[in-house]
Amino acid sequence: MVAATGRSSYEAMRQREDAVARGSEARIMHSGKVSGWREWMTPELASLFHRPDLTATAAIFGYEVAPNR
């Protein structure tokens, strides 16, 4: 359990992403801050999360996709 927790830390996941991405600009692990997505997500990218199939899937897992602003 301790090993899994350590591998799931922001720092460990960012290192793994750096190793696999090899210079790509695409990132999943950004700043590791709460609501950090607000600093990098464009309106165009945000609109992709408002497709009915994605909002329905999110709801199955207990997530609510905030309305477009």
N, C-alpha and C. Protein backbone atom coordinates (compact mmCIF):
# COMPACT_ATOMS: atom_id res chain seq x y z
N MET A 1 0.82 -1.19 0.00
CA MET A 1 0.00 0.00 0.00
C MET A 1 0.87 1.26 0.00
N VAL A 2 1.91 1.26 0.80
CA VAL A 2 2.80 2.43 0.85
C VAL A 2 3.46 2.66 -0.50
N ALA A 3 3.88 1.59 -1.16
CA ALA A 3 4.52 1.73 -2.47
C ALA A 3 3.55 2.32 -3.49
N ALA A 4 2.31 1.86 -3.47
CA ALA A 4 1.30 2.38 -4.41
C ALA A 4 1.03 3.85 -4.14
N THR A 5 0.97 4.22 -2.88
CA THR A 5 0.73 5.62 -2.53
C THR A 5 1.88 6.49 -3.02
N GLY A 6 3.09 6.03 -2.84
CA GLY A 6 4.26 6.78 -3.31
C GLY A 6 4.28 6.95 -4.81
N ARG A 7 3.89 5.90 -5.54
CA ARG A 7 3.85 5.98 -7.00
C ARG A 7 2.71 6.85 -7.50
N SER A 8 1.74 7.14 -6.64
CA SER A 8 0.59 7.95 -7.03
C SER A 8 0.73 9.42 -6.63
N SER A 9 1.85 9.80 -6.06
CA SER A 9 2.03 11.20 -5.67
C SER A 9 2.13 12.07 -6.92
N TYR A 10 1.86 13.34 -6.76
CA TYR A 10 1.96 14.27 -7.89
C TYR A 10 3.37 14.21 -8.49
N GLU A 11 4.38 14.25 -7.63
CA GLU A 11 5.76 14.28 -8.11
C GLU A 11 6.10 13.02 -8.91
N ALA A 12 5.70 11.85 -8.41
CA ALA A 12 5.99 10.60 -9.11
C ALA A 12 5.25 10.53 -10.45
N MET A 13 4.01 10.95 -10.46
CA MET A 13 3.25 10.90 -11.71
C MET A 13 3.78 11.90 -12.72
N ARG A 14 4.24 13.05 -12.25
CA ARG A 14 4.82 14.05 -13.17
C ARG A 14 6.13 13.53 -13.75
N GLN A 15 6.95 12.87 -12.94
CA GLN A 15 8.19 12.29 -13.45
C GLN A 15 7.90 11.23 -14.50
N ARG A 16 6.90 10.41 -14.26
CA ARG A 16 6.53 9.37 -15.22
C ARG A 16 6.04 10.01 -16.52
N GLU A 17 5.22 11.04 -16.39
CA GLU A 17 4.74 11.73 -17.58
C GLU A 17 5.91 12.35 -18.36
N ASP A 18 6.85 12.96 -17.67
CA ASP A 18 8.02 13.53 -18.33
C ASP A 18 8.81 12.46 -19.08
N ALA A 19 8.95 11.30 -18.48
CA ALA A 19 9.71 10.21 -19.11
C ALA A 19 9.01 9.68 -20.35
N VAL A 20 7.70 9.60 -20.31
CA VAL A 20 6.95 9.03 -21.42
C VAL A 20 6.67 10.07 -22.51
N ALA A 21 6.40 11.31 -22.12
CA ALA A 21 6.01 12.35 -23.08
C ALA A 21 7.16 12.78 -23.99
N ARG A 22 8.36 12.74 -23.49
CA ARG A 22 9.56 13.08 -24.27
C ARG A 22 9.41 14.40 -25.01
N GLY A 23 9.14 15.48 -24.28
CA GLY A 23 9.11 16.80 -24.87
C GLY A 23 7.77 17.25 -25.41
N SER A 24 6.77 16.42 -25.31
CA SER A 24 5.45 16.80 -25.80
C SER A 24 4.89 17.94 -24.96
N GLU A 25 4.15 18.82 -25.61
CA GLU A 25 3.49 19.92 -24.90
C GLU A 25 2.22 19.46 -24.19
N ALA A 26 1.69 18.32 -24.61
CA ALA A 26 0.46 17.80 -23.99
C ALA A 26 0.76 17.34 -22.57
N ARG A 27 -0.05 17.77 -21.64
CA ARG A 27 0.15 17.43 -20.23
C ARG A 27 -1.16 17.01 -19.60
N ILE A 28 -1.10 16.03 -18.74
CA ILE A 28 -2.21 15.70 -17.87
C ILE A 28 -1.89 16.26 -16.49
N MET A 29 -0.65 16.09 -16.07
CA MET A 29 -0.22 16.58 -14.76
C MET A 29 0.32 18.00 -14.95
N HIS A 30 -0.45 18.97 -14.56
CA HIS A 30 -0.02 20.36 -14.72
C HIS A 30 0.65 20.86 -13.44
N SER A 31 -0.04 21.62 -12.63
CA SER A 31 0.60 22.22 -11.46
C SER A 31 0.36 21.45 -10.18
N GLY A 32 -0.62 20.57 -10.16
CA GLY A 32 -0.92 19.82 -8.95
C GLY A 32 -1.68 20.63 -7.92
N LYS A 33 -2.28 21.75 -8.35
CA LYS A 33 -3.04 22.60 -7.43
C LYS A 33 -4.54 22.35 -7.60
N VAL A 34 -5.28 22.57 -6.52
CA VAL A 34 -6.72 22.51 -6.60
C VAL A 34 -7.19 23.60 -7.56
N SER A 35 -8.04 23.23 -8.48
CA SER A 35 -8.58 24.14 -9.51
C SER A 35 -7.49 24.69 -10.44
N GLY A 36 -6.35 24.03 -10.51
CA GLY A 36 -5.27 24.47 -11.38
C GLY A 36 -5.66 24.46 -12.85
N TRP A 37 -6.66 23.66 -13.19
CA TRP A 37 -7.12 23.58 -14.58
C TRP A 37 -7.59 24.93 -15.09
N ARG A 38 -8.02 25.79 -14.19
CA ARG A 38 -8.52 27.11 -14.60
C ARG A 38 -7.42 27.96 -15.24
N GLU A 39 -6.17 27.61 -14.98
CA GLU A 39 -5.04 28.37 -15.51
C GLU A 39 -4.66 27.95 -16.92
N TRP A 40 -5.04 26.76 -17.36
CA TRP A 40 -4.59 26.29 -18.67
C TRP A 40 -5.70 25.83 -19.61
N MET A 41 -6.88 25.56 -19.07
CA MET A 41 -7.93 25.04 -19.95
C MET A 41 -8.58 26.17 -20.75
N THR A 42 -8.57 26.01 -22.06
CA THR A 42 -9.17 27.00 -22.95
C THR A 42 -10.68 26.74 -23.06
N PRO A 43 -11.45 27.74 -23.45
CA PRO A 43 -12.88 27.52 -23.66
C PRO A 43 -13.16 26.42 -24.69
N GLU A 44 -12.32 26.34 -25.71
CA GLU A 44 -12.50 25.30 -26.72
C GLU A 44 -12.33 23.91 -26.13
N LEU A 45 -11.30 23.74 -25.31
CA LEU A 45 -11.07 22.44 -24.67
C LEU A 45 -12.17 22.14 -23.67
N ALA A 46 -12.59 23.12 -22.91
CA ALA A 46 -13.66 22.92 -21.92
C ALA A 46 -14.94 22.45 -22.59
N SER A 47 -15.21 22.96 -23.78
CA SER A 47 -16.45 22.59 -24.46
C SER A 47 -16.49 21.10 -24.79
N LEU A 48 -15.34 20.47 -24.93
CA LEU A 48 -15.30 19.03 -25.21
C LEU A 48 -15.86 18.21 -24.05
N PHE A 49 -15.81 18.75 -22.85
CA PHE A 49 -16.28 18.03 -21.67
C PHE A 49 -17.79 18.14 -21.48
N HIS A 50 -18.44 18.87 -22.34
CA HIS A 50 -19.88 19.08 -22.20
C HIS A 50 -20.69 18.27 -23.20
N ARG A 51 -20.05 17.30 -23.83
CA ARG A 51 -20.78 16.40 -24.72
C ARG A 51 -21.69 15.52 -23.85
N PRO A 52 -22.89 15.24 -24.29
CA PRO A 52 -23.82 14.44 -23.48
C PRO A 52 -23.26 13.08 -23.05
N ASP A 53 -22.50 12.42 -23.92
CA ASP A 53 -21.96 11.11 -23.54
C ASP A 53 -20.93 11.22 -22.42
N LEU A 54 -20.14 12.29 -22.42
CA LEU A 54 -19.13 12.46 -21.37
C LEU A 54 -19.76 12.88 -20.05
N THR A 55 -20.75 13.76 -20.08
CA THR A 55 -21.39 14.17 -18.83
C THR A 55 -22.15 12.99 -18.22
N ALA A 56 -22.75 12.13 -19.06
CA ALA A 56 -23.45 10.95 -18.55
C ALA A 56 -22.47 9.98 -17.91
N THR A 57 -21.31 9.78 -18.54
CA THR A 57 -20.30 8.89 -17.97
C THR A 57 -19.77 9.46 -16.66
N ALA A 58 -19.52 10.75 -16.61
CA ALA A 58 -19.05 11.38 -15.37
C ALA A 58 -20.06 11.17 -14.25
N ALA A 59 -21.34 11.29 -14.56
CA ALA A 59 -22.39 11.13 -13.55
C ALA A 59 -22.39 9.71 -12.97
N ILE A 60 -22.12 8.72 -13.80
CA ILE A 60 -22.06 7.33 -13.32
C ILE A 60 -21.03 7.21 -12.20
N PHE A 61 -19.94 7.95 -12.31
CA PHE A 61 -18.86 7.88 -11.31
C PHE A 61 -18.98 8.95 -10.23
N GLY A 62 -20.12 9.65 -10.20
CA GLY A 62 -20.37 10.62 -9.14
C GLY A 62 -19.83 12.01 -9.39
N TYR A 63 -19.43 12.31 -10.62
CA TYR A 63 -18.90 13.63 -10.95
C TYR A 63 -19.97 14.45 -11.66
N GLU A 64 -19.95 15.73 -11.41
CA GLU A 64 -20.84 16.64 -12.11
C GLU A 64 -20.00 17.61 -12.91
N VAL A 65 -20.26 17.69 -14.19
CA VAL A 65 -19.52 18.61 -15.05
C VAL A 65 -20.19 19.96 -14.95
N ALA A 66 -19.41 20.96 -14.55
CA ALA A 66 -19.96 22.31 -14.38
C ALA A 66 -20.44 22.86 -15.71
N PRO A 67 -21.49 23.67 -15.69
CA PRO A 67 -21.99 24.24 -16.94
C PRO A 67 -20.94 25.14 -17.59
N ASN A 68 -21.01 25.26 -18.92
CA ASN A 68 -20.13 26.17 -19.63
C ASN A 68 -20.33 27.59 -19.14
N ARG A 69 -19.27 28.33 -19.11
CA ARG A 69 -19.36 29.74 -18.69
C ARG A 69 -19.33 30.64 -19.87
